């Protein structure tokens, strides 16, 4: 059984809580069971909100955080591609 430190648990819980990634995506990336993530989310953020209970502002924040995450991933890909292509120029 793998032991995770509290900061890792909180980061994962925050990513799921803010709807940046789903529990299924976390499971694929880290091999962590969705039920474990639910437990961490409850521990750090209390009872979970249903989507219908979210305000328009909450939904917009969620959308923007997800968009930001996608853009950060795109930037990382472009940085790696630039590094690969710049090796061929020298």
N, C-alpha and C. Protein backbone atom coordinates (compact mmCIF):
# COMPACT_ATOMS: atom_id res chain seq x y z
N UNK A 1 0.84 -1.18 0.00
CA UNK A 1 0.00 0.00 0.00
C UNK A 1 0.89 1.25 0.00
N UNK A 2 0.59 2.16 -0.89
CA UNK A 2 1.36 3.38 -1.03
C UNK A 2 0.85 4.41 -0.03
N UNK A 3 1.78 5.07 0.65
CA UNK A 3 1.42 6.15 1.58
C UNK A 3 1.65 7.48 0.87
N UNK A 4 0.65 8.33 0.89
CA UNK A 4 0.76 9.66 0.28
C UNK A 4 0.83 10.70 1.40
N UNK A 5 1.64 11.74 1.18
CA UNK A 5 1.70 12.79 2.20
C UNK A 5 0.46 13.69 2.09
N UNK A 6 0.23 14.45 3.13
CA UNK A 6 -0.98 15.27 3.20
C UNK A 6 -1.06 16.32 2.10
N UNK A 7 0.08 16.89 1.70
CA UNK A 7 0.03 17.91 0.65
C UNK A 7 -0.39 17.30 -0.68
N UNK A 8 0.07 16.08 -0.98
CA UNK A 8 -0.34 15.39 -2.21
C UNK A 8 -1.83 15.11 -2.17
N UNK A 9 -2.31 14.61 -1.04
CA UNK A 9 -3.73 14.31 -0.90
C UNK A 9 -4.58 15.56 -1.10
N UNK A 10 -4.15 16.65 -0.48
CA UNK A 10 -4.91 17.89 -0.60
C UNK A 10 -4.89 18.41 -2.03
N UNK A 11 -3.75 18.31 -2.71
CA UNK A 11 -3.67 18.75 -4.11
C UNK A 11 -4.60 17.95 -5.00
N UNK A 12 -4.61 16.64 -4.84
CA UNK A 12 -5.49 15.79 -5.63
C UNK A 12 -6.95 16.12 -5.32
N UNK A 13 -7.28 16.28 -4.04
CA UNK A 13 -8.65 16.61 -3.64
C UNK A 13 -9.07 17.95 -4.24
N UNK A 14 -8.16 18.90 -4.26
CA UNK A 14 -8.47 20.23 -4.80
C UNK A 14 -8.71 20.17 -6.30
N UNK A 15 -7.89 19.39 -7.01
CA UNK A 15 -8.06 19.25 -8.46
C UNK A 15 -9.43 18.67 -8.78
N UNK A 16 -9.84 17.66 -8.02
CA UNK A 16 -11.14 17.03 -8.26
C UNK A 16 -12.27 17.95 -7.78
N UNK A 17 -12.09 18.56 -6.64
CA UNK A 17 -13.12 19.43 -6.07
C UNK A 17 -13.41 20.61 -7.00
N UNK A 18 -12.38 21.16 -7.60
CA UNK A 18 -12.54 22.31 -8.50
C UNK A 18 -12.85 21.89 -9.93
N UNK A 19 -13.10 20.59 -10.12
CA UNK A 19 -13.51 20.03 -11.41
C UNK A 19 -12.48 20.26 -12.51
N UNK A 20 -11.21 20.31 -12.14
CA UNK A 20 -10.15 20.43 -13.12
C UNK A 20 -9.92 19.09 -13.79
N UNK A 21 -9.98 18.02 -13.00
CA UNK A 21 -9.89 16.66 -13.52
C UNK A 21 -10.93 15.80 -12.81
N UNK A 22 -11.34 14.74 -13.50
CA UNK A 22 -12.32 13.83 -12.90
C UNK A 22 -11.61 12.77 -12.07
N UNK A 23 -12.37 12.06 -11.27
CA UNK A 23 -11.80 10.97 -10.48
C UNK A 23 -11.24 9.88 -11.39
N UNK A 24 -11.88 9.68 -12.53
CA UNK A 24 -11.41 8.68 -13.49
C UNK A 24 -10.05 9.08 -14.07
N UNK A 25 -9.89 10.37 -14.38
CA UNK A 25 -8.59 10.85 -14.89
C UNK A 25 -7.50 10.68 -13.83
N UNK A 26 -7.84 10.96 -12.59
CA UNK A 26 -6.88 10.78 -11.50
C UNK A 26 -6.51 9.31 -11.37
N UNK A 27 -7.50 8.44 -11.51
CA UNK A 27 -7.24 7.00 -11.42
C UNK A 27 -6.28 6.56 -12.52
N UNK A 28 -6.51 7.04 -13.75
CA UNK A 28 -5.63 6.67 -14.86
C UNK A 28 -4.21 7.20 -14.66
N UNK A 29 -4.10 8.44 -14.19
CA UNK A 29 -2.78 9.07 -14.04
C UNK A 29 -1.98 8.51 -12.87
N UNK A 30 -2.63 8.34 -11.73
CA UNK A 30 -1.91 8.01 -10.50
C UNK A 30 -2.22 6.63 -9.95
N UNK A 31 -3.24 5.96 -10.48
CA UNK A 31 -3.62 4.65 -9.97
C UNK A 31 -4.30 4.71 -8.61
N UNK A 32 -4.95 5.84 -8.32
CA UNK A 32 -5.63 6.02 -7.04
C UNK A 32 -7.12 5.74 -7.25
N UNK A 33 -7.70 4.90 -6.41
CA UNK A 33 -9.11 4.55 -6.54
C UNK A 33 -9.99 5.78 -6.36
N UNK A 34 -11.05 5.90 -7.16
CA UNK A 34 -11.95 7.04 -7.02
C UNK A 34 -12.53 7.17 -5.62
N UNK A 35 -12.79 6.05 -4.95
CA UNK A 35 -13.34 6.12 -3.59
C UNK A 35 -12.34 6.77 -2.63
N UNK A 36 -11.06 6.54 -2.86
CA UNK A 36 -10.02 7.17 -2.03
C UNK A 36 -10.03 8.68 -2.25
N UNK A 37 -10.15 9.09 -3.50
CA UNK A 37 -10.18 10.52 -3.83
C UNK A 37 -11.41 11.17 -3.19
N UNK A 38 -12.54 10.49 -3.22
CA UNK A 38 -13.77 11.02 -2.59
C UNK A 38 -13.53 11.24 -1.10
N UNK A 39 -12.86 10.29 -0.46
CA UNK A 39 -12.55 10.43 0.96
C UNK A 39 -11.66 11.63 1.24
N UNK A 40 -10.64 11.81 0.40
CA UNK A 40 -9.75 12.96 0.57
C UNK A 40 -10.51 14.26 0.35
N UNK A 41 -11.38 14.28 -0.66
CA UNK A 41 -12.15 15.48 -0.96
C UNK A 41 -13.05 15.84 0.22
N UNK A 42 -13.70 14.85 0.81
CA UNK A 42 -14.55 15.10 1.98
C UNK A 42 -13.72 15.59 3.16
N UNK A 43 -12.54 15.01 3.33
CA UNK A 43 -11.67 15.39 4.45
C UNK A 43 -11.25 16.86 4.35
N UNK A 44 -10.87 17.30 3.16
CA UNK A 44 -10.32 18.65 3.01
C UNK A 44 -11.37 19.71 2.66
N UNK A 45 -12.50 19.29 2.09
CA UNK A 45 -13.49 20.28 1.65
C UNK A 45 -14.88 20.05 2.22
N UNK A 46 -15.01 19.15 3.17
CA UNK A 46 -16.31 18.90 3.79
C UNK A 46 -17.23 18.15 2.84
N UNK A 47 -18.49 18.28 3.08
CA UNK A 47 -19.47 17.59 2.23
C UNK A 47 -19.37 18.13 0.81
N UNK A 48 -19.56 17.24 -0.13
CA UNK A 48 -19.41 17.59 -1.53
C UNK A 48 -20.64 18.34 -2.03
N UNK A 49 -20.40 19.31 -2.92
CA UNK A 49 -21.49 20.06 -3.52
C UNK A 49 -22.00 19.31 -4.74
N UNK A 50 -23.31 19.32 -4.91
CA UNK A 50 -23.88 18.81 -6.14
C UNK A 50 -23.80 19.90 -7.19
N UNK A 51 -23.70 19.51 -8.43
CA UNK A 51 -23.56 20.49 -9.50
C UNK A 51 -24.76 21.44 -9.55
N UNK A 52 -25.96 20.93 -9.22
CA UNK A 52 -27.13 21.80 -9.28
C UNK A 52 -27.14 22.83 -8.14
N UNK A 53 -26.34 22.63 -7.11
CA UNK A 53 -26.27 23.58 -6.00
C UNK A 53 -25.23 24.67 -6.22
N UNK A 54 -24.50 24.60 -7.32
CA UNK A 54 -23.46 25.58 -7.58
C UNK A 54 -24.06 26.85 -8.18
N UNK A 55 -23.50 27.99 -7.82
CA UNK A 55 -23.95 29.25 -8.39
C UNK A 55 -23.33 29.41 -9.77
N UNK A 56 -23.84 30.37 -10.52
CA UNK A 56 -23.28 30.65 -11.84
C UNK A 56 -21.81 31.05 -11.73
N UNK A 57 -21.48 31.79 -10.67
CA UNK A 57 -20.10 32.21 -10.45
C UNK A 57 -19.21 31.00 -10.19
N UNK A 58 -19.68 30.05 -9.38
CA UNK A 58 -18.91 28.82 -9.13
C UNK A 58 -18.67 28.06 -10.42
N UNK A 59 -19.72 27.94 -11.23
CA UNK A 59 -19.58 27.23 -12.51
C UNK A 59 -18.58 27.92 -13.43
N UNK A 60 -18.60 29.24 -13.44
CA UNK A 60 -17.65 29.99 -14.28
C UNK A 60 -16.23 29.80 -13.77
N UNK A 61 -16.04 29.80 -12.47
CA UNK A 61 -14.72 29.57 -11.90
C UNK A 61 -14.22 28.18 -12.28
N UNK A 62 -15.09 27.20 -12.19
CA UNK A 62 -14.72 25.83 -12.57
C UNK A 62 -14.32 25.78 -14.03
N UNK A 63 -15.11 26.41 -14.89
CA UNK A 63 -14.81 26.42 -16.33
C UNK A 63 -13.46 27.08 -16.60
N UNK A 64 -13.22 28.19 -15.95
CA UNK A 64 -11.96 28.92 -16.17
C UNK A 64 -10.76 28.15 -15.64
N UNK A 65 -10.91 27.48 -14.51
CA UNK A 65 -9.81 26.68 -13.97
C UNK A 65 -9.48 25.52 -14.89
N UNK A 66 -10.52 24.91 -15.45
CA UNK A 66 -10.30 23.81 -16.39
C UNK A 66 -9.60 24.32 -17.65
N UNK A 67 -10.04 25.47 -18.15
CA UNK A 67 -9.41 26.08 -19.32
C UNK A 67 -7.95 26.42 -19.04
N UNK A 68 -7.69 26.97 -17.86
CA UNK A 68 -6.32 27.30 -17.48
C UNK A 68 -5.44 26.06 -17.44
N UNK A 69 -5.96 24.97 -16.87
CA UNK A 69 -5.22 23.71 -16.81
C UNK A 69 -4.89 23.22 -18.22
N UNK A 70 -5.87 23.28 -19.13
CA UNK A 70 -5.64 22.86 -20.52
C UNK A 70 -4.55 23.70 -21.17
N UNK A 71 -4.60 25.00 -20.96
CA UNK A 71 -3.61 25.90 -21.56
C UNK A 71 -2.22 25.66 -20.99
N UNK A 72 -2.14 25.38 -19.69
CA UNK A 72 -0.84 25.09 -19.08
C UNK A 72 -0.26 23.80 -19.67
N UNK A 73 -1.12 22.81 -19.91
CA UNK A 73 -0.65 21.56 -20.53
C UNK A 73 -0.18 21.82 -21.96
N UNK A 74 -0.90 22.68 -22.70
CA UNK A 74 -0.49 23.01 -24.06
C UNK A 74 0.87 23.71 -24.07
N UNK A 75 1.07 24.62 -23.12
CA UNK A 75 2.35 25.33 -23.03
C UNK A 75 3.49 24.34 -22.78
N UNK A 76 3.27 23.38 -21.89
CA UNK A 76 4.30 22.38 -21.60
C UNK A 76 4.63 21.56 -22.85
N UNK A 77 3.61 21.19 -23.60
CA UNK A 77 3.83 20.44 -24.84
C UNK A 77 4.64 21.27 -25.82
N UNK A 78 4.28 22.54 -25.96
CA UNK A 78 5.00 23.42 -26.89
C UNK A 78 6.45 23.64 -26.46
N UNK A 79 6.68 23.73 -25.16
CA UNK A 79 8.06 23.87 -24.67
C UNK A 79 8.89 22.65 -25.04
N UNK A 80 8.30 21.47 -24.86
CA UNK A 80 9.01 20.24 -25.20
C UNK A 80 9.27 20.15 -26.69
N UNK A 81 8.29 20.54 -27.49
CA UNK A 81 8.45 20.51 -28.94
C UNK A 81 9.53 21.49 -29.38
N UNK A 82 9.55 22.68 -28.80
CA UNK A 82 10.56 23.68 -29.14
C UNK A 82 11.95 23.17 -28.79
N UNK A 83 12.07 22.49 -27.66
CA UNK A 83 13.37 21.94 -27.27
C UNK A 83 13.83 20.88 -28.24
N UNK A 84 12.92 20.04 -28.70
CA UNK A 84 13.26 18.99 -29.65
C UNK A 84 13.68 19.59 -30.98
N UNK A 85 12.92 20.55 -31.48
CA UNK A 85 13.24 21.16 -32.76
C UNK A 85 14.49 22.02 -32.72
N UNK A 86 14.77 22.64 -31.59
CA UNK A 86 15.97 23.48 -31.49
C UNK A 86 17.24 22.66 -31.48
N UNK A 87 17.16 21.39 -31.09
CA UNK A 87 18.33 20.51 -31.12
C UNK A 87 18.78 20.27 -32.55
N UNK A 88 17.83 20.20 -33.47
CA UNK A 88 18.15 19.95 -34.86
C UNK A 88 18.75 21.15 -35.56
N UNK A 89 18.57 22.34 -35.06
CA UNK A 89 19.05 23.57 -35.69
C UNK A 89 20.55 23.75 -35.46
N UNK A 90 21.05 23.34 -34.33
CA UNK A 90 22.45 23.58 -33.97
C UNK A 90 23.40 22.79 -34.79
